[in-house]
Amino acid sequence: MVEKNTARLRRARSTRAKIAELKAVRLTVYRSNGHIYAQVIDATGSKVLASASTAEKEVRAAMPNGGNVAAAVAIGKRIAERAKKAGVEKVAFDRAGYQYHGRVKALAEAAREAGLKF
C-alpha cells in the first residue's frame, strides 16, 4: 500500500513539471490539519517572492482556527495582496497534489477575487 503523502507528492510532480516547462511563476499551497500555507515562487523555482500562512502571528490573533475554509479565504486574499506588491499579476496554480476542493479551492478563489490571474 502506498503512503498517502507519497501518493500526493507523485501527483504533484507532473503538475510541477508542466509549470516548469511553461516557465511560469507559481502559487503553491500546502495544507496541514491545523494550518494552510501559500507561496508565490519565481519561474526558476529557486526564489520565494511572497508567502502567507495561518501560522503568522497577526492571522492567528484574528482567527484561532487555521484549519478551516474561512482561514483559507483569508490567506488567499493575503497572498494575492503580497504577490501584487512583489510585482506578480499572473501565476500558475500548483495545488501540490491536493484535490481542488474545500480549503484549497477556497484559497484559490479568494486569490482570484483579490486580483491574481490564473
PDB file of N, CA and C in Angstrom:
ATOM      1  N   MET A   1       0.841  -1.194   0.000  1.00  0.00           N
ATOM      2  CA  MET A   1       0.000   0.000   0.000  1.00  0.00           C
ATOM      3  C   MET A   1       0.883   1.255   0.000  1.00  0.00           C
ATOM      4  N   VAL A   2       0.538   2.217  -0.822  1.00  0.00           N
ATOM      5  CA  VAL A   2       1.305   3.455  -0.938  1.00  0.00           C
ATOM      6  C   VAL A   2       0.878   4.419   0.158  1.00  0.00           C
ATOM      7  N   GLU A   3       1.876   5.037   0.790  1.00  0.00           N
ATOM      8  CA  GLU A   3       1.576   6.008   1.821  1.00  0.00           C
ATOM      9  C   GLU A   3       0.873   7.217   1.195  1.00  0.00           C
ATOM     10  N   LYS A   4      -0.065   7.799   1.925  1.00  0.00           N
ATOM     11  CA  LYS A   4      -0.893   8.901   1.422  1.00  0.00           C
ATOM     12  C   LYS A   4      -0.067  10.090   0.918  1.00  0.00           C
ATOM     13  N   ASN A   5       0.924  10.499   1.713  1.00  0.00           N
ATOM     14  CA  ASN A   5       1.734  11.654   1.344  1.00  0.00           C
ATOM     15  C   ASN A   5       2.608  11.374   0.123  1.00  0.00           C
ATOM     16  N   THR A   6       3.110  10.159   0.006  1.00  0.00           N
ATOM     17  CA  THR A   6       3.923   9.772  -1.145  1.00  0.00           C
ATOM     18  C   THR A   6       3.097   9.848  -2.419  1.00  0.00           C
ATOM     19  N   ALA A   7       1.859   9.381  -2.339  1.00  0.00           N
ATOM     20  CA  ALA A   7       0.949   9.421  -3.493  1.00  0.00           C
ATOM     21  C   ALA A   7       0.641  10.867  -3.880  1.00  0.00           C
ATOM     22  N   ARG A   8       0.457  11.727  -2.884  1.00  0.00           N
ATOM     23  CA  ARG A   8       0.176  13.140  -3.152  1.00  0.00           C
ATOM     24  C   ARG A   8       1.364  13.792  -3.851  1.00  0.00           C
ATOM     25  N   LEU A   9       2.554  13.527  -3.376  1.00  0.00           N
ATOM     26  CA  LEU A   9       3.754  14.100  -3.984  1.00  0.00           C
ATOM     27  C   LEU A   9       3.970  13.580  -5.406  1.00  0.00           C
ATOM     28  N   ARG A  10       3.610  12.326  -5.651  1.00  0.00           N
ATOM     29  CA  ARG A  10       3.694  11.768  -7.004  1.00  0.00           C
ATOM     30  C   ARG A  10       2.752  12.515  -7.933  1.00  0.00           C
ATOM     31  N   ARG A  11       1.532  12.795  -7.464  1.00  0.00           N
ATOM     32  CA  ARG A  11       0.560  13.552  -8.269  1.00  0.00           C
ATOM     33  C   ARG A  11       1.058  14.973  -8.513  1.00  0.00           C
ATOM     34  N   ALA A  12       1.714  15.561  -7.519  1.00  0.00           N
ATOM     35  CA  ALA A  12       2.199  16.942  -7.628  1.00  0.00           C
ATOM     36  C   ALA A  12       3.327  17.065  -8.639  1.00  0.00           C
ATOM     37  N   ARG A  13       4.124  15.999  -8.789  1.00  0.00           N
ATOM     38  CA  ARG A  13       5.306  16.049  -9.638  1.00  0.00           C
ATOM     39  C   ARG A  13       4.989  16.410 -11.085  1.00  0.00           C
ATOM     40  N   SER A  14       3.941  15.827 -11.643  1.00  0.00           N
ATOM     41  CA  SER A  14       3.604  16.110 -13.048  1.00  0.00           C
ATOM     42  C   SER A  14       3.139  17.548 -13.235  1.00  0.00           C
ATOM     43  N   THR A  15       2.384  18.068 -12.282  1.00  0.00           N
ATOM     44  CA  THR A  15       1.925  19.459 -12.339  1.00  0.00           C
ATOM     45  C   THR A  15       3.117  20.405 -12.294  1.00  0.00           C
ATOM     46  N   ARG A  16       4.041  20.130 -11.394  1.00  0.00           N
ATOM     47  CA  ARG A  16       5.217  20.986 -11.244  1.00  0.00           C
ATOM     48  C   ARG A  16       6.111  20.931 -12.474  1.00  0.00           C
ATOM     49  N   ALA A  17       6.187  19.759 -13.091  1.00  0.00           N
ATOM     50  CA  ALA A  17       6.985  19.618 -14.316  1.00  0.00           C
ATOM     51  C   ALA A  17       6.386  20.459 -15.434  1.00  0.00           C
ATOM     52  N   LYS A  18       5.065  20.448 -15.546  1.00  0.00           N
ATOM     53  CA  LYS A  18       4.379  21.217 -16.581  1.00  0.00           C
ATOM     54  C   LYS A  18       4.562  22.720 -16.342  1.00  0.00           C
ATOM     55  N   ILE A  19       4.431  23.149 -15.096  1.00  0.00           N
ATOM     56  CA  ILE A  19       4.593  24.561 -14.753  1.00  0.00           C
ATOM     57  C   ILE A  19       6.032  25.002 -15.050  1.00  0.00           C
ATOM     58  N   ALA A  20       7.019  24.152 -14.745  1.00  0.00           N
ATOM     59  CA  ALA A  20       8.428  24.468 -15.012  1.00  0.00           C
ATOM     60  C   ALA A  20       8.671  24.581 -16.515  1.00  0.00           C
ATOM     61  N   GLU A  21       8.002  23.712 -17.283  1.00  0.00           N
ATOM     62  CA  GLU A  21       8.108  23.732 -18.751  1.00  0.00           C
ATOM     63  C   GLU A  21       7.571  25.048 -19.312  1.00  0.00           C
ATOM     64  N   LEU A  22       6.495  25.551 -18.719  1.00  0.00           N
ATOM     65  CA  LEU A  22       5.881  26.806 -19.151  1.00  0.00           C
ATOM     66  C   LEU A  22       6.668  28.030 -18.672  1.00  0.00           C
ATOM     67  N   LYS A  23       7.624  27.806 -17.772  1.00  0.00           N
ATOM     68  CA  LYS A  23       8.408  28.887 -17.164  1.00  0.00           C
ATOM     69  C   LYS A  23       7.500  29.958 -16.548  1.00  0.00           C
ATOM     70  N   ALA A  24       6.551  29.480 -15.749  1.00  0.00           N
ATOM     71  CA  ALA A  24       5.572  30.371 -15.128  1.00  0.00           C
ATOM     72  C   ALA A  24       5.860  30.529 -13.632  1.00  0.00           C
ATOM     73  N   VAL A  25       5.499  31.679 -13.103  1.00  0.00           N
ATOM     74  CA  VAL A  25       5.547  31.904 -11.659  1.00  0.00           C
ATOM     75  C   VAL A  25       4.410  31.071 -11.078  1.00  0.00           C
ATOM     76  N   ARG A  26       4.668  30.367  -9.964  1.00  0.00           N
ATOM     77  CA  ARG A  26       3.608  29.505  -9.444  1.00  0.00           C
ATOM     78  C   ARG A  26       3.170  29.872  -8.034  1.00  0.00           C
ATOM     79  N   LEU A  27       1.888  29.669  -7.799  1.00  0.00           N
ATOM     80  CA  LEU A  27       1.299  29.827  -6.475  1.00  0.00           C
ATOM     81  C   LEU A  27       1.101  28.422  -5.943  1.00  0.00           C
ATOM     82  N   THR A  28       1.869  28.046  -4.941  1.00  0.00           N
ATOM     83  CA  THR A  28       1.784  26.693  -4.404  1.00  0.00           C
ATOM     84  C   THR A  28       1.146  26.697  -3.020  1.00  0.00           C
ATOM     85  N   VAL A  29       0.435  25.627  -2.725  1.00  0.00           N
ATOM     86  CA  VAL A  29      -0.341  25.514  -1.488  1.00  0.00           C
ATOM     87  C   VAL A  29       0.122  24.289  -0.708  1.00  0.00           C
ATOM     88  N   TYR A  30       0.216  24.431   0.603  1.00  0.00           N
ATOM     89  CA  TYR A  30       0.437  23.284   1.470  1.00  0.00           C
ATOM     90  C   TYR A  30      -0.619  23.364   2.557  1.00  0.00           C
ATOM     91  N   ARG A  31      -1.265  22.248   2.823  1.00  0.00           N
ATOM     92  CA  ARG A  31      -2.272  22.266   3.883  1.00  0.00           C
ATOM     93  C   ARG A  31      -1.991  21.164   4.881  1.00  0.00           C
ATOM     94  N   SER A  32      -2.058  21.529   6.144  1.00  0.00           N
ATOM     95  CA  SER A  32      -1.942  20.555   7.226  1.00  0.00           C
ATOM     96  C   SER A  32      -3.288  20.573   7.943  1.00  0.00           C
ATOM     97  N   ASN A  33      -3.431  19.745   8.951  1.00  0.00           N
ATOM     98  CA  ASN A  33      -4.714  19.726   9.665  1.00  0.00           C
ATOM     99  C   ASN A  33      -4.996  21.050  10.367  1.00  0.00           C
ATOM    100  N   GLY A  34      -3.951  21.689  10.867  1.00  0.00           N
ATOM    101  CA  GLY A  34      -4.149  22.900  11.651  1.00  0.00           C
ATOM    102  C   GLY A  34      -3.932  24.210  10.919  1.00  0.00           C
ATOM    103  N   HIS A  35      -3.251  24.182   9.773  1.00  0.00           N
ATOM    104  CA  HIS A  35      -2.899  25.419   9.078  1.00  0.00           C
ATOM    105  C   HIS A  35      -2.948  25.249   7.564  1.00  0.00           C
ATOM    106  N   ILE A  36      -2.888  26.379   6.857  1.00  0.00           N
ATOM    107  CA  ILE A  36      -2.746  26.366   5.402  1.00  0.00           C
ATOM    108  C   ILE A  36      -1.694  27.406   5.032  1.00  0.00           C
ATOM    109  N   TYR A  37      -0.835  27.043   4.090  1.00  0.00           N
ATOM    110  CA  TYR A  37       0.293  27.884   3.700  1.00  0.00           C
ATOM    111  C   TYR A  37       0.244  28.118   2.201  1.00  0.00           C
ATOM    112  N   ALA A  38       0.651  29.308   1.755  1.00  0.00           N
ATOM    113  CA  ALA A  38       0.711  29.615   0.324  1.00  0.00           C
ATOM    114  C   ALA A  38       1.999  30.363   0.032  1.00  0.00           C
ATOM    115  N   GLN A  39       2.624  30.028  -1.107  1.00  0.00           N
ATOM    116  CA  GLN A  39       3.843  30.710  -1.521  1.00  0.00           C
ATOM    117  C   GLN A  39       3.779  31.012  -3.004  1.00  0.00           C
ATOM    118  N   VAL A  40       4.305  32.161  -3.382  1.00  0.00           N
ATOM    119  CA  VAL A  40       4.468  32.503  -4.791  1.00  0.00           C
ATOM    120  C   VAL A  40       5.949  32.318  -5.078  1.00  0.00           C
ATOM    121  N   ILE A  41       6.257  31.389  -6.001  1.00  0.00           N
ATOM    122  CA  ILE A  41       7.635  31.021  -6.310  1.00  0.00           C
ATOM    123  C   ILE A  41       7.960  31.450  -7.736  1.00  0.00           C
ATOM    124  N   ASP A  42       9.153  32.005  -7.938  1.00  0.00           N
ATOM    125  CA  ASP A  42       9.528  32.507  -9.266  1.00  0.00           C
ATOM    126  C   ASP A  42       9.640  31.381 -10.297  1.00  0.00           C
ATOM    127  N   ALA A  43       9.780  31.758 -11.557  1.00  0.00           N
ATOM    128  CA  ALA A  43       9.761  30.803 -12.667  1.00  0.00           C
ATOM    129  C   ALA A  43      10.888  29.772 -12.606  1.00  0.00           C
ATOM    130  N   THR A  44      12.019  30.135 -12.010  1.00  0.00           N
ATOM    131  CA  THR A  44      13.126  29.182 -11.910  1.00  0.00           C
ATOM    132  C   THR A  44      12.899  28.179 -10.784  1.00  0.00           C
ATOM    133  N   GLY A  45      12.000  28.507  -9.877  1.00  0.00           N
ATOM    134  CA  GLY A  45      11.697  27.616  -8.759  1.00  0.00           C
ATOM    135  C   GLY A  45      12.681  27.745  -7.611  1.00  0.00           C
ATOM    136  N   SER A  46      13.519  28.787  -7.656  1.00  0.00           N
ATOM    137  CA  SER A  46      14.556  28.913  -6.647  1.00  0.00           C
ATOM    138  C   SER A  46      14.327  30.028  -5.635  1.00  0.00           C
ATOM    139  N   LYS A  47      13.342  30.884  -5.886  1.00  0.00           N
ATOM    140  CA  LYS A  47      13.158  32.041  -5.007  1.00  0.00           C
ATOM    141  C   LYS A  47      11.682  32.230  -4.658  1.00  0.00           C
ATOM    142  N   VAL A  48      11.400  32.407  -3.377  1.00  0.00           N
ATOM    143  CA  VAL A  48      10.041  32.689  -2.918  1.00  0.00           C
ATOM    144  C   VAL A  48       9.828  34.194  -2.998  1.00  0.00           C
ATOM    145  N   LEU A  49       8.827  34.600  -3.770  1.00  0.00           N
ATOM    146  CA  LEU A  49       8.553  36.027  -3.960  1.00  0.00           C
ATOM    147  C   LEU A  49       7.603  36.567  -2.904  1.00  0.00           C
ATOM    148  N   ALA A  50       6.666  35.723  -2.452  1.00  0.00           N
ATOM    149  CA  ALA A  50       5.701  36.129  -1.426  1.00  0.00           C
ATOM    150  C   ALA A  50       5.201  34.881  -0.704  1.00  0.00           C
ATOM    151  N   SER A  51       4.822  35.045   0.539  1.00  0.00           N
ATOM    152  CA  SER A  51       4.258  33.917   1.281  1.00  0.00           C
ATOM    153  C   SER A  51       3.237  34.407   2.294  1.00  0.00           C
ATOM    154  N   ALA A  52       2.324  33.511   2.646  1.00  0.00           N
ATOM    155  CA  ALA A  52       1.314  33.814   3.665  1.00  0.00           C
ATOM    156  C   ALA A  52       0.868  32.497   4.285  1.00  0.00           C
ATOM    157  N   SER A  53       0.555  32.532   5.568  1.00  0.00           N
ATOM    158  CA  SER A  53       0.060  31.323   6.215  1.00  0.00           C
ATOM    159  C   SER A  53      -0.752  31.666   7.456  1.00  0.00           C
ATOM    160  N   THR A  54      -1.505  30.688   7.910  1.00  0.00           N
ATOM    161  CA  THR A  54      -2.298  30.883   9.120  1.00  0.00           C
ATOM    162  C   THR A  54      -1.435  30.756  10.369  1.00  0.00           C
ATOM    163  N   ALA A  55      -0.172  30.394  10.197  1.00  0.00           N
ATOM    164  CA  ALA A  55       0.741  30.306  11.338  1.00  0.00           C
ATOM    165  C   ALA A  55       1.333  31.669  11.712  1.00  0.00           C
ATOM    166  N   GLU A  56       1.089  32.698  10.885  1.00  0.00           N
ATOM    167  CA  GLU A  56       1.579  34.045  11.182  1.00  0.00           C
ATOM    168  C   GLU A  56       0.860  34.609  12.398  1.00  0.00           C
ATOM    169  N   LYS A  57       1.593  35.389  13.177  1.00  0.00           N
ATOM    170  CA  LYS A  57       1.077  35.911  14.442  1.00  0.00           C
ATOM    171  C   LYS A  57      -0.214  36.726  14.278  1.00  0.00           C
ATOM    172  N   GLU A  58      -0.230  37.638  13.281  1.00  0.00           N
ATOM    173  CA  GLU A  58      -1.417  38.501  13.093  1.00  0.00           C
ATOM    174  C   GLU A  58      -2.650  37.681  12.690  1.00  0.00           C
ATOM    175  N   VAL A  59      -2.433  36.687  11.862  1.00  0.00           N
ATOM    176  CA  VAL A  59      -3.548  35.850  11.396  1.00  0.00           C
ATOM    177  C   VAL A  59      -4.076  35.003  12.543  1.00  0.00           C
ATOM    178  N   ARG A  60      -3.166  34.437  13.344  1.00  0.00           N
ATOM    179  CA  ARG A  60      -3.574  33.612  14.485  1.00  0.00           C
ATOM    180  C   ARG A  60      -4.373  34.417  15.495  1.00  0.00           C
ATOM    181  N   ALA A  61      -4.015  35.698  15.645  1.00  0.00           N
ATOM    182  CA  ALA A  61      -4.746  36.556  16.585  1.00  0.00           C
ATOM    183  C   ALA A  61      -6.160  36.815  16.071  1.00  0.00           C
ATOM    184  N   ALA A  62      -6.292  36.971  14.748  1.00  0.00           N
ATOM    185  CA  ALA A  62      -7.600  37.257  14.154  1.00  0.00           C
ATOM    186  C   ALA A  62      -8.493  36.014  14.092  1.00  0.00           C
ATOM    187  N   MET A  63      -7.890  34.860  13.802  1.00  0.00           N
ATOM    188  CA  MET A  63      -8.692  33.633  13.752  1.00  0.00           C
ATOM    189  C   MET A  63      -7.942  32.482  14.407  1.00  0.00           C
ATOM    190  N   PRO A  64      -8.500  31.999  15.521  1.00  0.00           N
ATOM    191  CA  PRO A  64      -7.813  30.966  16.293  1.00  0.00           C
ATOM    192  C   PRO A  64      -7.675  29.619  15.572  1.00  0.00           C
ATOM    193  N   ASN A  65      -8.632  29.275  14.708  1.00  0.00           N
ATOM    194  CA  ASN A  65      -8.563  28.001  13.992  1.00  0.00           C
ATOM    195  C   ASN A  65      -8.083  28.243  12.564  1.00  0.00           C
ATOM    196  N   GLY A  66      -6.883  27.785  12.254  1.00  0.00           N
ATOM    197  CA  GLY A  66      -6.306  27.983  10.928  1.00  0.00           C
ATOM    198  C   GLY A  66      -6.636  26.864   9.952  1.00  0.00           C
ATOM    199  N   GLY A  67      -7.365  25.857  10.402  1.00  0.00           N
ATOM    200  CA  GLY A  67      -7.637  24.700   9.555  1.00  0.00           C
ATOM    201  C   GLY A  67      -9.040  24.651   9.005  1.00  0.00           C
ATOM    202  N   ASN A  68      -9.613  25.820   8.665  1.00  0.00           N
ATOM    203  CA  ASN A  68     -10.962  25.803   8.087  1.00  0.00           C
ATOM    204  C   ASN A  68     -11.029  26.670   6.832  1.00  0.00           C
ATOM    205  N   VAL A  69     -12.169  26.650   6.162  1.00  0.00           N
ATOM    206  CA  VAL A  69     -12.346  27.367   4.896  1.00  0.00           C
ATOM    207  C   VAL A  69     -12.210  28.878   5.080  1.00  0.00           C
ATOM    208  N   ALA A  70     -12.715  29.407   6.178  1.00  0.00           N
ATOM    209  CA  ALA A  70     -12.617  30.859   6.419  1.00  0.00           C
ATOM    210  C   ALA A  70     -11.157  31.302   6.491  1.00  0.00           C
ATOM    211  N   ALA A  71     -10.332  30.495   7.125  1.00  0.00           N
ATOM    212  CA  ALA A  71      -8.902  30.808   7.216  1.00  0.00           C
ATOM    213  C   ALA A  71      -8.257  30.738   5.836  1.00  0.00           C
ATOM    214  N   ALA A  72      -8.658  29.770   5.027  1.00  0.00           N
ATOM    215  CA  ALA A  72      -8.115  29.612   3.674  1.00  0.00           C
ATOM    216  C   ALA A  72      -8.461  30.822   2.806  1.00  0.00           C
ATOM    217  N   VAL A  73      -9.672  31.346   2.961  1.00  0.00           N
ATOM    218  CA  VAL A  73     -10.098  32.540   2.219  1.00  0.00           C
ATOM    219  C   VAL A  73      -9.228  33.734   2.620  1.00  0.00           C
ATOM    220  N   ALA A  74      -8.983  33.883   3.910  1.00  0.00           N
ATOM    221  CA  ALA A  74      -8.150  34.990   4.400  1.00  0.00           C
ATOM    222  C   ALA A  74      -6.729  34.894   3.839  1.00  0.00           C
ATOM    223  N   ILE A  75      -6.179  33.704   3.777  1.00  0.00           N
ATOM    224  CA  ILE A  75      -4.824  33.505   3.257  1.00  0.00           C
ATOM    225  C   ILE A  75      -4.793  33.733   1.751  1.00  0.00           C
ATOM    226  N   GLY A  76      -5.853  33.359   1.045  1.00  0.00           N
ATOM    227  CA  GLY A  76      -5.945  33.611  -0.397  1.00  0.00           C
ATOM    228  C   GLY A  76      -5.874  35.097  -0.707  1.00  0.00           C
ATOM    229  N   LYS A  77      -6.615  35.893   0.057  1.00  0.00           N
ATOM    230  CA  LYS A  77      -6.598  37.348  -0.132  1.00  0.00           C
ATOM    231  C   LYS A  77      -5.229  37.918   0.215  1.00  0.00           C
ATOM    232  N   ARG A  78      -4.666  37.413   1.292  1.00  0.00           N
ATOM    233  CA  ARG A  78      -3.374  37.892   1.786  1.00  0.00           C
ATOM    234  C   ARG A  78      -2.243  37.596   0.791  1.00  0.00           C
ATOM    235  N   ILE A  79      -2.237  36.400   0.211  1.00  0.00           N
ATOM    236  CA  ILE A  79      -1.173  36.033  -0.729  1.00  0.00           C
ATOM    237  C   ILE A  79      -1.301  36.832  -2.022  1.00  0.00           C
ATOM    238  N   ALA A  80      -2.522  37.099  -2.455  1.00  0.00           N
ATOM    239  CA  ALA A  80      -2.731  37.887  -3.681  1.00  0.00           C
ATOM    240  C   ALA A  80      -2.219  39.311  -3.483  1.00  0.00           C
ATOM    241  N   GLU A  81      -2.509  39.859  -2.329  1.00  0.00           N
ATOM    242  CA  GLU A  81      -2.078  41.213  -1.990  1.00  0.00           C
ATOM    243  C   GLU A  81      -0.542  41.300  -1.959  1.00  0.00           C
ATOM    244  N   ARG A  82       0.101  40.310  -1.347  1.00  0.00           N
ATOM    245  CA  ARG A  82       1.562  40.304  -1.253  1.00  0.00           C
ATOM    246  C   ARG A  82       2.226  40.037  -2.610  1.00  0.00           C
ATOM    247  N   ALA A  83       1.599  39.202  -3.420  1.00  0.00           N
ATOM    248  CA  ALA A  83       2.142  38.903  -4.749  1.00  0.00           C
ATOM    249  C   ALA A  83       2.092  40.150  -5.621  1.00  0.00           C
ATOM    250  N   LYS A  84       0.973  40.883  -5.553  1.00  0.00           N
ATOM    251  CA  LYS A  84       0.837  42.108  -6.343  1.00  0.00           C
ATOM    252  C   LYS A  84       1.863  43.149  -5.894  1.00  0.00           C
ATOM    253  N   LYS A  85       2.133  43.182  -4.587  1.00  0.00           N
ATOM    254  CA  LYS A  85       3.132  44.099  -4.051  1.00  0.00           C
ATOM    255  C   LYS A  85       4.532  43.732  -4.570  1.00  0.00           C
ATOM    256  N   ALA A  86       4.757  42.436  -4.802  1.00  0.00           N
ATOM    257  CA  ALA A  86       6.041  41.956  -5.332  1.00  0.00           C
ATOM    258  C   ALA A  86       6.106  42.079  -6.856  1.00  0.00           C
ATOM    259  N   GLY A  87       5.015  42.585  -7.483  1.00  0.00           N
ATOM    260  CA  GLY A  87       5.001  42.794  -8.926  1.00  0.00           C
ATOM    261  C   GLY A  87       4.534  41.595  -9.731  1.00  0.00           C
ATOM    262  N   VAL A  88       3.834  40.668  -9.101  1.00  0.00           N
ATOM    263  CA  VAL A  88       3.346  39.474  -9.795  1.00  0.00           C
ATOM    264  C   VAL A  88       1.841  39.582  -9.997  1.00  0.00           C
ATOM    265  N   GLU A  89       1.394  39.493 -11.236  1.00  0.00           N
ATOM    266  CA  GLU A  89      -0.040  39.551 -11.556  1.00  0.00           C
ATOM    267  C   GLU A  89      -0.575  38.189 -11.988  1.00  0.00           C
ATOM    268  N   LYS A  90       0.257  37.438 -12.738  1.00  0.00           N
ATOM    269  CA  LYS A  90      -0.185  36.182 -13.333  1.00  0.00           C
ATOM    270  C   LYS A  90       0.633  35.031 -12.761  1.00  0.00           C
ATOM    271  N   VAL A  91      -0.061  34.000 -12.289  1.00  0.00           N
ATOM    272  CA  VAL A  91       0.608  32.827 -11.721  1.00  0.00           C
ATOM    273  C   VAL A  91      -0.020  31.547 -12.262  1.00  0.00           C
ATOM    274  N   ALA A  92       0.689  30.438 -12.070  1.00  0.00           N
ATOM    275  CA  ALA A  92       0.138  29.113 -12.355  1.00  0.00           C
ATOM    276  C   ALA A  92      -0.189  28.520 -10.986  1.00  0.00           C
ATOM    277  N   PHE A  93      -1.363  27.930 -10.832  1.00  0.00           N
ATOM    278  CA  PHE A  93      -1.778  27.401  -9.534  1.00  0.00           C
ATOM    279  C   PHE A  93      -1.269  25.977  -9.364  1.00  0.00           C
ATOM    280  N   ASP A  94      -0.463  25.773  -8.331  1.00  0.00           N
ATOM    281  CA  ASP A  94       0.095  24.458  -8.014  1.00  0.00           C
ATOM    282  C   ASP A  94      -0.596  23.971  -6.746  1.00  0.00           C
ATOM    283  N   ARG A  95      -1.518  23.029  -6.922  1.00  0.00           N
ATOM    284  CA  ARG A  95      -2.274  22.550  -5.764  1.00  0.00           C
ATOM    285  C   ARG A  95      -1.550  21.445  -5.011  1.00  0.00           C
ATOM    286  N   ALA A  96      -0.327  21.141  -5.430  1.00  0.00           N
ATOM    287  CA  ALA A  96       0.568  20.206  -4.732  1.00  0.00           C
ATOM    288  C   ALA A  96      -0.030  18.812  -4.537  1.00  0.00           C
ATOM    289  N   GLY A  97      -0.804  18.369  -5.501  1.00  0.00           N
ATOM    290  CA  GLY A  97      -1.371  17.025  -5.418  1.00  0.00           C
ATOM    291  C   GLY A  97      -2.654  16.931  -4.617  1.00  0.00           C
ATOM    292  N   TYR A  98      -3.072  18.035  -4.001  1.00  0.00           N
ATOM    293  CA  TYR A  98      -4.328  18.031  -3.249  1.00  0.00           C
ATOM    294  C   TYR A  98      -5.492  18.148  -4.218  1.00  0.00           C
ATOM    295  N   GLN A  99      -6.635  17.625  -3.804  1.00  0.00           N
ATOM    296  CA  GLN A  99      -7.842  17.741  -4.609  1.00  0.00           C
ATOM    297  C   GLN A  99      -8.294  19.206  -4.625  1.00  0.00           C
ATOM    298  N   TYR A 100      -8.765  19.699  -5.776  1.00  0.00           N
ATOM    299  CA  TYR A 100      -9.244  21.082  -5.877  1.00  0.00           C
ATOM    300  C   TYR A 100     -10.623  21.118  -5.252  1.00  0.00           C
ATOM    301  N   HIS A 101     -10.658  21.250  -3.926  1.00  0.00           N
ATOM    302  CA  HIS A 101     -11.879  21.078  -3.174  1.00  0.00           C
ATOM    303  C   HIS A 101     -11.659  21.654  -1.784  1.00  0.00           C
ATOM    304  N   GLY A 102     -12.695  22.149  -1.161  1.00  0.00           N
ATOM    305  CA  GLY A 102     -12.582  22.608   0.222  1.00  0.00           C
ATOM    306  C   GLY A 102     -11.649  23.779   0.412  1.00  0.00           C
ATOM    307  N   ARG A 103     -10.662  23.624   1.295  1.00  0.00           N
ATOM    308  CA  ARG A 103      -9.752  24.720   1.642  1.00  0.00           C
ATOM    309  C   ARG A 103      -8.877  25.160   0.479  1.00  0.00           C
ATOM    310  N   VAL A 104      -8.424  24.207  -0.346  1.00  0.00           N
ATOM    311  CA  VAL A 104      -7.568  24.546  -1.490  1.00  0.00           C
ATOM    312  C   VAL A 104      -8.364  25.383  -2.498  1.00  0.00           C
ATOM    313  N   LYS A 105      -9.599  24.985  -2.755  1.00  0.00           N
ATOM    314  CA  LYS A 105     -10.470  25.717  -3.673  1.00  0.00           C
ATOM    315  C   LYS A 105     -10.788  27.108  -3.116  1.00  0.00           C
ATOM    316  N   ALA A 106     -11.069  27.197  -1.814  1.00  0.00           N
ATOM    317  CA  ALA A 106     -11.393  28.473  -1.174  1.00  0.00           C
ATOM    318  C   ALA A 106     -10.227  29.449  -1.283  1.00  0.00           C
ATOM    319  N   LEU A 107      -9.009  28.957  -1.070  1.00  0.00           N
ATOM    320  CA  LEU A 107      -7.813  29.801  -1.178  1.00  0.00           C
ATOM    321  C   LEU A 107      -7.649  30.293  -2.613  1.00  0.00           C
ATOM    322  N   ALA A 108      -7.800  29.413  -3.582  1.00  0.00           N
ATOM    323  CA  ALA A 108      -7.633  29.777  -4.997  1.00  0.00           C
ATOM    324  C   ALA A 108      -8.658  30.824  -5.429  1.00  0.00           C
ATOM    325  N   GLU A 109      -9.910  30.615  -5.062  1.00  0.00           N
ATOM    326  CA  GLU A 109     -10.961  31.553  -5.465  1.00  0.00           C
ATOM    327  C   GLU A 109     -10.793  32.917  -4.794  1.00  0.00           C
ATOM    328  N   ALA A 110     -10.350  32.926  -3.540  1.00  0.00           N
ATOM    329  CA  ALA A 110     -10.110  34.201  -2.839  1.00  0.00           C
ATOM    330  C   ALA A 110      -8.948  34.952  -3.487  1.00  0.00           C
ATOM    331  N   ALA A 111      -7.915  34.239  -3.907  1.00  0.00           N
ATOM    332  CA  ALA A 111      -6.765  34.872  -4.573  1.00  0.00           C
ATOM    333  C   ALA A 111      -7.192  35.460  -5.919  1.00  0.00           C
ATOM    334  N   ARG A 112      -8.063  34.739  -6.626  1.00  0.00           N
ATOM    335  CA  ARG A 112      -8.576  35.243  -7.909  1.00  0.00           C
ATOM    336  C   ARG A 112      -9.391  36.513  -7.699  1.00  0.00           C
ATOM    337  N   GLU A 113     -10.263  36.507  -6.692  1.00  0.00           N
ATOM    338  CA  GLU A 113     -11.097  37.677  -6.401  1.00  0.00           C
ATOM    339  C   GLU A 113     -10.242  38.889  -6.004  1.00  0.00           C
ATOM    340  N   ALA A 114      -9.114  38.613  -5.358  1.00  0.00           N
ATOM    341  CA  ALA A 114      -8.229  39.693  -4.908  1.00  0.00           C
ATOM    342  C   ALA A 114      -7.320  40.212  -6.038  1.00  0.00           C
ATOM    343  N   GLY A 115      -7.432  39.628  -7.221  1.00  0.00           N
ATOM    344  CA  GLY A 115      -6.726  40.181  -8.381  1.00  0.00           C
ATOM    345  C   GLY A 115      -5.633  39.351  -9.015  1.00  0.00           C
ATOM    346  N   LEU A 116      -5.329  38.170  -8.467  1.00  0.00           N
ATOM    347  CA  LEU A 116      -4.335  37.315  -9.131  1.00  0.00           C
ATOM    348  C   LEU A 116      -4.992  36.612 -10.310  1.00  0.00           C
ATOM    349  N   LYS A 117      -4.255  36.459 -11.398  1.00  0.00           N
ATOM    350  CA  LYS A 117      -4.812  35.795 -12.579  1.00  0.00           C
ATOM    351  C   LYS A 117      -4.165  34.432 -12.750  1.00  0.00           C
ATOM    352  N   PHE A 118      -4.996  33.377 -12.810  1.00  0.00           N
ATOM    353  CA  PHE A 118      -4.531  32.020 -13.118  1.00  0.00           C
ATOM    354  C   PHE A 118      -5.677  31.142 -13.544  1.00  0.00           C
TER     355      PHE A 118
END
